[in-house]
Amino acid sequence: MATTLDRSRDNPWKLKTPPGTSEYTMHVDEKDGRKILVCTVGSTVLHYDARCVDDLHAMLTQAGDWVELGGADEQKPVKDGTVEAWARSPGNPVGGWYGLKKGLRGRFAVYLPPLMEALGLCDLEHNARNNRIKAR
């Protein structure tokens, strides 16, 4: 399944983290010939390989049930079996990090699930902590 990602810098998705505590935007761009997602949180800009949307949906579909998010900064360890662990794993479809900016490659499980929800690809919990995601 190829998800249509078509939001530009002029018309970004306006999203909130799963607990609803922080707002950020996300749009599609291209860098070094690769389609990327640009996530802007305040003055911080993160880049993710855009194929992560379809890859994450496929992983969640295969899991068949709720998966913990487990969001963490790049420098922090992650809990096995979480979305964040998968997004860094040598066993995922890109063989490692979906985050593309060294030092800012983490937090995948904080910023990508709300986009997946906005695209209608998942159900996402919105508790204060320990949220989970499930494919639709």
C-alpha atoms as a PDB file:
ATOM      1  CA  MET A   1       0.000   0.000   0.000  1.00  0.00           C
ATOM      2  CA  ALA A   2       1.461   3.367  -0.961  1.00  0.00           C
ATOM      3  CA  THR A   3       0.084   6.150   1.194  1.00  0.00           C
ATOM      4  CA  THR A   4      -0.306   9.494  -0.541  1.00  0.00           C
ATOM      5  CA  LEU A   5       1.783  12.039   1.306  1.00  0.00           C
ATOM      6  CA  ASP A   6       1.169  15.383  -0.339  1.00  0.00           C
ATOM      7  CA  ARG A   7       1.401  18.163   2.226  1.00  0.00           C
ATOM      8  CA  SER A   8       3.922  20.889   1.430  1.00  0.00           C
ATOM      9  CA  ARG A   9       5.652  23.398   3.681  1.00  0.00           C
ATOM     10  CA  ASP A  10       2.841  25.859   2.802  1.00  0.00           C
ATOM     11  CA  ASN A  11       0.099  23.416   3.862  1.00  0.00           C
ATOM     12  CA  PRO A  12       1.517  21.150   6.606  1.00  0.00           C
ATOM     13  CA  TRP A  13      -0.342  18.747   8.825  1.00  0.00           C
ATOM     14  CA  LYS A  14      -0.940  20.421  12.182  1.00  0.00           C
ATOM     15  CA  LEU A  15      -0.607  17.701  14.792  1.00  0.00           C
ATOM     16  CA  LYS A  16      -0.382  17.131  18.548  1.00  0.00           C
ATOM     17  CA  THR A  17       1.682  14.558  20.389  1.00  0.00           C
ATOM     18  CA  PRO A  18      -0.342  11.547  21.632  1.00  0.00           C
ATOM     19  CA  PRO A  19      -0.953  13.056  25.109  1.00  0.00           C
ATOM     20  CA  GLY A  20      -1.996  16.304  23.409  1.00  0.00           C
ATOM     21  CA  THR A  21       0.647  18.320  25.263  1.00  0.00           C
ATOM     22  CA  SER A  22       2.705  19.638  22.316  1.00  0.00           C
ATOM     23  CA  GLU A  23       1.783  20.917  18.881  1.00  0.00           C
ATOM     24  CA  TYR A  24       3.956  20.466  15.809  1.00  0.00           C
ATOM     25  CA  THR A  25       3.722  20.425  12.028  1.00  0.00           C
ATOM     26  CA  MET A  26       4.764  17.891   9.447  1.00  0.00           C
ATOM     27  CA  HIS A  27       5.137  18.205   5.696  1.00  0.00           C
ATOM     28  CA  VAL A  28       6.727  16.370   2.786  1.00  0.00           C
ATOM     29  CA  ASP A  29       9.925  17.476   1.081  1.00  0.00           C
ATOM     30  CA  GLU A  30      12.828  15.946  -0.792  1.00  0.00           C
ATOM     31  CA  LYS A  31      16.433  15.690   0.312  1.00  0.00           C
ATOM     32  CA  ASP A  32      19.270  13.984  -1.548  1.00  0.00           C
ATOM     33  CA  GLY A  33      16.743  12.452  -3.960  1.00  0.00           C
ATOM     34  CA  ARG A  34      14.720  10.909  -1.132  1.00  0.00           C
ATOM     35  CA  LYS A  35      11.171  11.803  -0.094  1.00  0.00           C
ATOM     36  CA  ILE A  36      11.253  12.889   3.548  1.00  0.00           C
ATOM     37  CA  LEU A  37       8.877  14.010   6.267  1.00  0.00           C
ATOM     38  CA  VAL A  38       9.892  17.286   7.888  1.00  0.00           C
ATOM     39  CA  CYS A  39       8.695  17.547  11.481  1.00  0.00           C
ATOM     40  CA  THR A  40       8.901  21.006  13.060  1.00  0.00           C
ATOM     41  CA  VAL A  41       8.561  21.216  16.832  1.00  0.00           C
ATOM     42  CA  GLY A  42       9.123  24.810  17.919  1.00  0.00           C
ATOM     43  CA  SER A  43      12.535  25.661  16.482  1.00  0.00           C
ATOM     44  CA  THR A  44      13.624  22.009  16.230  1.00  0.00           C
ATOM     45  CA  VAL A  45      13.398  20.355  12.819  1.00  0.00           C
ATOM     46  CA  LEU A  46      13.525  16.576  12.475  1.00  0.00           C
ATOM     47  CA  HIS A  47      13.632  14.541   9.251  1.00  0.00           C
ATOM     48  CA  TYR A  48      12.243  11.043   8.748  1.00  0.00           C
ATOM     49  CA  ASP A  49      12.357   8.809   5.687  1.00  0.00           C
ATOM     50  CA  ALA A  50       8.830   9.129   4.232  1.00  0.00           C
ATOM     51  CA  ARG A  51       8.578   5.392   3.552  1.00  0.00           C
ATOM     52  CA  CYS A  52       8.214   4.996   7.330  1.00  0.00           C
ATOM     53  CA  VAL A  53       4.446   5.600   7.040  1.00  0.00           C
ATOM     54  CA  ASP A  54       3.827   2.526   4.878  1.00  0.00           C
ATOM     55  CA  ASP A  55       6.458   0.476   6.704  1.00  0.00           C
ATOM     56  CA  LEU A  56       4.999   1.288  10.129  1.00  0.00           C
ATOM     57  CA  HIS A  57       1.486   0.495   8.924  1.00  0.00           C
ATOM     58  CA  ALA A  58       2.701  -2.881   7.602  1.00  0.00           C
ATOM     59  CA  MET A  59       4.423  -3.657  10.922  1.00  0.00           C
ATOM     60  CA  LEU A  60       1.314  -2.719  12.923  1.00  0.00           C
ATOM     61  CA  THR A  61      -0.909  -4.764  10.611  1.00  0.00           C
ATOM     62  CA  GLN A  62       1.357  -7.766  11.098  1.00  0.00           C
ATOM     63  CA  ALA A  63       1.357  -7.245  14.886  1.00  0.00           C
ATOM     64  CA  GLY A  64      -2.445  -7.382  14.797  1.00  0.00           C
ATOM     65  CA  ASP A  65      -2.918  -5.737  18.192  1.00  0.00           C
ATOM     66  CA  TRP A  66      -1.919  -2.720  20.247  1.00  0.00           C
ATOM     67  CA  VAL A  67       1.807  -1.856  20.276  1.00  0.00           C
ATOM     68  CA  GLU A  68       3.367   0.467  22.864  1.00  0.00           C
ATOM     69  CA  LEU A  69       4.845   3.678  21.452  1.00  0.00           C
ATOM     70  CA  GLY A  70       7.920   3.935  23.719  1.00  0.00           C
ATOM     71  CA  GLY A  71       9.121   7.297  22.346  1.00  0.00           C
ATOM     72  CA  ALA A  72      12.641   8.317  23.381  1.00  0.00           C
ATOM     73  CA  ASP A  73      15.446  10.630  22.300  1.00  0.00           C
ATOM     74  CA  GLU A  74      18.169   9.133  20.121  1.00  0.00           C
ATOM     75  CA  GLN A  75      20.666   8.972  22.985  1.00  0.00           C
ATOM     76  CA  LYS A  76      18.314   7.072  25.322  1.00  0.00           C
ATOM     77  CA  PRO A  77      17.709   3.323  25.381  1.00  0.00           C
ATOM     78  CA  VAL A  78      14.317   2.028  24.273  1.00  0.00           C
ATOM     79  CA  LYS A  79      12.055  -0.748  25.489  1.00  0.00           C
ATOM     80  CA  ASP A  80      11.965  -3.836  23.265  1.00  0.00           C
ATOM     81  CA  GLY A  81       8.753  -4.440  21.352  1.00  0.00           C
ATOM     82  CA  THR A  82       7.838  -0.748  21.056  1.00  0.00           C
ATOM     83  CA  VAL A  83       7.341   1.386  17.952  1.00  0.00           C
ATOM     84  CA  GLU A  84      10.482   3.361  18.881  1.00  0.00           C
ATOM     85  CA  ALA A  85      12.564   0.165  19.108  1.00  0.00           C
ATOM     86  CA  TRP A  86      11.279  -0.968  15.707  1.00  0.00           C
ATOM     87  CA  ALA A  87      12.092   2.440  14.139  1.00  0.00           C
ATOM     88  CA  ARG A  88      15.779   1.981  15.122  1.00  0.00           C
ATOM     89  CA  SER A  89      16.124  -1.735  14.568  1.00  0.00           C
ATOM     90  CA  PRO A  90      18.483  -3.286  12.029  1.00  0.00           C
ATOM     91  CA  GLY A  91      15.571  -5.676  11.383  1.00  0.00           C
ATOM     92  CA  ASN A  92      13.175  -3.033  10.017  1.00  0.00           C
ATOM     93  CA  PRO A  93      12.782  -2.514   6.236  1.00  0.00           C
ATOM     94  CA  VAL A  94      15.467   0.228   6.057  1.00  0.00           C
ATOM     95  CA  GLY A  95      17.879  -1.682   8.293  1.00  0.00           C
ATOM     96  CA  GLY A  96      18.097   0.938  11.020  1.00  0.00           C
ATOM     97  CA  TRP A  97      17.011   4.474  11.795  1.00  0.00           C
ATOM     98  CA  TYR A  98      14.069   6.123   9.999  1.00  0.00           C
ATOM     99  CA  GLY A  99      15.224   9.397  11.555  1.00  0.00           C
ATOM    100  CA  LEU A 100      17.707  11.092   9.237  1.00  0.00           C
ATOM    101  CA  LYS A 101      19.342  13.898  11.263  1.00  0.00           C
ATOM    102  CA  LYS A 102      22.141  12.563  13.466  1.00  0.00           C
ATOM    103  CA  GLY A 103      21.476  13.572  17.058  1.00  0.00           C
ATOM    104  CA  LEU A 104      17.756  14.039  16.295  1.00  0.00           C
ATOM    105  CA  ARG A 105      16.857  10.594  14.937  1.00  0.00           C
ATOM    106  CA  GLY A 106      14.763   9.519  17.919  1.00  0.00           C
ATOM    107  CA  ARG A 107      11.256  10.491  19.027  1.00  0.00           C
ATOM    108  CA  PHE A 108       9.829   8.586  16.031  1.00  0.00           C
ATOM    109  CA  ALA A 109       7.118   7.093  18.257  1.00  0.00           C
ATOM    110  CA  VAL A 110       6.157  10.556  19.497  1.00  0.00           C
ATOM    111  CA  TYR A 111       5.745  12.300  16.139  1.00  0.00           C
ATOM    112  CA  LEU A 112       4.810   9.635  13.548  1.00  0.00           C
ATOM    113  CA  PRO A 113       1.764   7.998  15.201  1.00  0.00           C
ATOM    114  CA  PRO A 114      -0.330  11.226  15.177  1.00  0.00           C
ATOM    115  CA  LEU A 115       0.368  11.534  11.437  1.00  0.00           C
ATOM    116  CA  MET A 116      -0.723   7.919  10.960  1.00  0.00           C
ATOM    117  CA  GLU A 117      -3.928   8.742  12.850  1.00  0.00           C
ATOM    118  CA  ALA A 118      -4.534  11.866  10.705  1.00  0.00           C
ATOM    119  CA  LEU A 119      -4.135   9.694   7.596  1.00  0.00           C
ATOM    120  CA  GLY A 120      -6.730   7.216   8.947  1.00  0.00           C
ATOM    121  CA  LEU A 121      -4.210   4.374   9.173  1.00  0.00           C
ATOM    122  CA  CYS A 122      -4.386   3.617  12.896  1.00  0.00           C
ATOM    123  CA  ASP A 123      -6.120   3.939  16.217  1.00  0.00           C
ATOM    124  CA  LEU A 124      -4.012   5.811  18.749  1.00  0.00           C
ATOM    125  CA  GLU A 125      -4.387   6.234  22.488  1.00  0.00           C
ATOM    126  CA  HIS A 126      -4.210   9.728  23.980  1.00  0.00           C
ATOM    127  CA  ASN A 127      -3.389   9.110  27.640  1.00  0.00           C
ATOM    128  CA  ALA A 128      -0.925  11.188  29.671  1.00  0.00           C
ATOM    129  CA  ARG A 129       1.664   8.357  29.363  1.00  0.00           C
ATOM    130  CA  ASN A 130       2.286   4.887  27.926  1.00  0.00           C
ATOM    131  CA  ASN A 131       0.176   5.261  24.774  1.00  0.00           C
ATOM    132  CA  ARG A 132      -0.317   2.516  22.233  1.00  0.00           C
ATOM    133  CA  ILE A 133      -1.118   2.285  18.524  1.00  0.00           C
ATOM    134  CA  LYS A 134      -2.997  -0.271  16.431  1.00  0.00           C
ATOM    135  CA  ALA A 135      -3.391  -0.532  12.638  1.00  0.00           C
ATOM    136  CA  ARG A 136      -6.739   0.089  11.003  1.00  0.00           C
END
